[in-house]
Amino acid sequence: MPSLIRFLLVTGILCAGIFGGLYVAAVYYEPQQQEVSSSVPGVSLRRQ
């Protein structure tokens, strides 16, 4: 039984660390906004 508790504790700590890292990355690191436009090769538009 102690090995199960140890496993659950280590798994919980790892999951909390990953979740915390993702939260910090999502909240504190905002990407710069810029307009992106590029043409797609091989696609032509029909004019009506």
N, C-alpha and C. Protein backbone atom coordinates (compact mmCIF):
# COMPACT_ATOMS: atom_id res chain seq x y z
N MET A 1 0.80 -1.21 0.00
CA MET A 1 0.00 0.00 0.00
C MET A 1 0.85 1.27 0.00
N PRO A 2 1.96 1.31 0.73
CA PRO A 2 2.77 2.53 0.68
C PRO A 2 3.31 2.82 -0.73
N SER A 3 3.57 1.77 -1.52
CA SER A 3 4.07 2.02 -2.88
C SER A 3 2.98 2.66 -3.74
N LEU A 4 1.72 2.32 -3.50
CA LEU A 4 0.62 2.94 -4.24
C LEU A 4 0.51 4.42 -3.87
N ILE A 5 0.62 4.73 -2.60
CA ILE A 5 0.53 6.13 -2.15
C ILE A 5 1.71 6.92 -2.71
N ARG A 6 2.89 6.32 -2.71
CA ARG A 6 4.07 7.00 -3.26
C ARG A 6 3.89 7.24 -4.76
N PHE A 7 3.38 6.25 -5.47
CA PHE A 7 3.13 6.40 -6.91
C PHE A 7 2.13 7.51 -7.19
N LEU A 8 1.03 7.52 -6.44
CA LEU A 8 0.01 8.55 -6.64
C LEU A 8 0.55 9.94 -6.29
N LEU A 9 1.37 10.02 -5.26
CA LEU A 9 1.95 11.29 -4.87
C LEU A 9 2.90 11.82 -5.95
N VAL A 10 3.77 10.96 -6.47
CA VAL A 10 4.72 11.38 -7.51
C VAL A 10 3.96 11.74 -8.78
N THR A 11 2.97 10.97 -9.15
CA THR A 11 2.17 11.27 -10.34
C THR A 11 1.43 12.60 -10.18
N GLY A 12 0.88 12.85 -9.01
CA GLY A 12 0.18 14.10 -8.75
C GLY A 12 1.11 15.30 -8.81
N ILE A 13 2.31 15.15 -8.26
CA ILE A 13 3.28 16.25 -8.30
C ILE A 13 3.71 16.53 -9.73
N LEU A 14 3.95 15.50 -10.51
CA LEU A 14 4.33 15.70 -11.92
C LEU A 14 3.21 16.37 -12.71
N CYS A 15 1.98 15.93 -12.50
CA CYS A 15 0.84 16.54 -13.20
C CYS A 15 0.65 17.98 -12.78
N ALA A 16 0.81 18.27 -11.51
CA ALA A 16 0.67 19.65 -11.03
C ALA A 16 1.76 20.54 -11.62
N GLY A 17 2.97 20.03 -11.74
CA GLY A 17 4.05 20.80 -12.35
C GLY A 17 3.81 21.08 -13.81
N ILE A 18 3.32 20.08 -14.54
CA ILE A 18 3.01 20.29 -15.96
C ILE A 18 1.86 21.26 -16.12
N PHE A 19 0.83 21.10 -15.33
CA PHE A 19 -0.32 22.01 -15.39
C PHE A 19 0.10 23.44 -15.04
N GLY A 20 0.90 23.59 -14.02
CA GLY A 20 1.38 24.92 -13.62
C GLY A 20 2.23 25.55 -14.71
N GLY A 21 3.08 24.77 -15.34
CA GLY A 21 3.90 25.30 -16.43
C GLY A 21 3.08 25.74 -17.62
N LEU A 22 2.06 24.97 -17.96
CA LEU A 22 1.18 25.36 -19.06
C LEU A 22 0.39 26.61 -18.72
N TYR A 23 -0.04 26.72 -17.48
CA TYR A 23 -0.79 27.91 -17.05
C TYR A 23 0.09 29.15 -17.13
N VAL A 24 1.30 29.05 -16.64
CA VAL A 24 2.22 30.19 -16.68
C VAL A 24 2.52 30.57 -18.13
N ALA A 25 2.72 29.58 -19.00
CA ALA A 25 3.00 29.87 -20.40
C ALA A 25 1.80 30.53 -21.07
N ALA A 26 0.60 30.14 -20.71
CA ALA A 26 -0.59 30.72 -21.34
C ALA A 26 -0.89 32.12 -20.83
N VAL A 27 -0.59 32.40 -19.57
CA VAL A 27 -0.96 33.69 -18.98
C VAL A 27 0.12 34.75 -19.21
N TYR A 28 1.37 34.41 -19.03
CA TYR A 28 2.43 35.42 -19.03
C TYR A 28 3.10 35.63 -20.37
N TYR A 29 3.00 34.69 -21.30
CA TYR A 29 3.69 34.82 -22.57
C TYR A 29 2.67 34.97 -23.69
N GLU A 30 2.25 36.21 -23.94
CA GLU A 30 1.31 36.50 -25.00
C GLU A 30 2.07 36.73 -26.30
N PRO A 31 1.64 36.15 -27.40
CA PRO A 31 2.32 36.39 -28.67
C PRO A 31 2.03 37.78 -29.21
N GLN A 32 2.95 38.33 -29.98
CA GLN A 32 2.73 39.62 -30.60
C GLN A 32 1.72 39.45 -31.73
N GLN A 33 0.78 40.38 -31.81
CA GLN A 33 -0.24 40.29 -32.85
C GLN A 33 0.30 40.91 -34.13
N GLN A 34 0.13 40.19 -35.22
CA GLN A 34 0.54 40.69 -36.51
C GLN A 34 -0.36 40.08 -37.58
N GLU A 35 -0.47 40.78 -38.68
CA GLU A 35 -1.33 40.31 -39.75
C GLU A 35 -0.51 39.40 -40.66
N VAL A 36 -1.08 38.26 -40.98
CA VAL A 36 -0.39 37.29 -41.82
C VAL A 36 -1.24 37.03 -43.05
N SER A 37 -0.64 37.19 -44.20
CA SER A 37 -1.33 36.83 -45.44
C SER A 37 -0.31 36.21 -46.38
N SER A 38 -0.67 35.08 -46.93
CA SER A 38 0.23 34.41 -47.88
C SER A 38 -0.62 33.72 -48.93
N SER A 39 -0.08 33.66 -50.14
CA SER A 39 -0.81 33.00 -51.20
C SER A 39 -0.53 31.49 -51.17
N VAL A 40 -1.55 30.75 -51.54
CA VAL A 40 -1.43 29.30 -51.57
C VAL A 40 -1.14 28.89 -53.01
N PRO A 41 -0.04 28.21 -53.26
CA PRO A 41 0.28 27.85 -54.64
C PRO A 41 -0.70 26.82 -55.19
N GLY A 42 -1.06 27.00 -56.44
CA GLY A 42 -1.94 26.05 -57.11
C GLY A 42 -3.42 26.29 -56.90
N VAL A 43 -3.80 27.37 -56.26
CA VAL A 43 -5.21 27.67 -56.02
C VAL A 43 -5.55 28.97 -56.74
N SER A 44 -6.58 28.88 -57.58
CA SER A 44 -7.02 30.10 -58.27
C SER A 44 -8.46 30.37 -57.90
N LEU A 45 -8.80 31.64 -57.80
CA LEU A 45 -10.15 32.04 -57.41
C LEU A 45 -10.94 32.41 -58.66
N ARG A 46 -12.20 32.01 -58.69
CA ARG A 46 -13.08 32.38 -59.79
C ARG A 46 -13.72 33.72 -59.48
N ARG A 47 -13.70 34.60 -60.45
CA ARG A 47 -14.37 35.88 -60.27
C ARG A 47 -15.76 35.81 -60.89
N GLN A 48 -16.75 36.24 -60.15
CA GLN A 48 -18.13 36.15 -60.63
C GLN A 48 -18.65 37.48 -61.07
